[in-house]
Amino acid sequence: MRQARAGDETAFEALVRTHQDRAFAVALRMTGNAEDARDVTQDAFLRAWQGLASYREDAAFGTWLTRIVINRCHNLRRAARPTAALAEHDVTDPAPQTEARVEHAARHSATMAAVLALPFDQRAALVLHTLNGYSHAEVGRILGTSEAAAKVRVHRARRALIDQLQDWR
C-alpha cells in the first residue's frame, strides 16, 4: 500500500488484482448488469489511484475501495433513472428448457428485479452483508453509518424482499 501511495504503478496493479473480483461482484449486484459493473469497477479503480494521497489507513484498502464502488453505483443510478436491467446471465437460453429450469430462471429474475427495486441504501447494505459477507460493522463503515443503522437497513431490505417475493414461496 505504501508503495502504491508513493506512485508505484506496479504496486497499485497488485492491489487491483487482489481486489478486482470483489469490487466487480459488488458493482454487479448493485447495478444488475455486467457492462455497468465493469464500467463502475474501472472508474472506481481510477478514482482510487487518483485519491491514494487522501486515503487514510484507518480502514482497510478493500473497505475504502468498496465505498468508492458503492458511490460510483449511486452516481450511475442517479444518472440513468430508472433502470431495471437484469444481469447478463438472466437472459434465457434459446434452447428448450425444462419446466424446472424455466421456474428457476423466473424466480431468479423476480429476485433480481426485487433487489434492484430496493431503495439504494437498503440494496447496498443487503449486497454488502448478505451477498459479499461483510459484517454489519464493516457495512456501517463502508456506507458511512453506524453498525446499528447497517443492521436496520439489512433487516428492512430482507423484509421488503420477503413481502415482494411472497408469491414465490
Foldseek 3Di string as FASTA:
>chain_A
DVVLLVPPVVVLVVVCVVQVVLQLQLLCLQQQENVRSVVLSVVLSVVCSVCVPVDDPPDDPNLQSNLSSLVSSVVVPVVDPPDQHHYPVLDDDPDDDDPVVVLVSVLVSLLSSLLNPDPSLLSSLQCCCVVVPDQLCSSCVSVVHHSVVSVVSPVVSVVSSCVSCVVSD
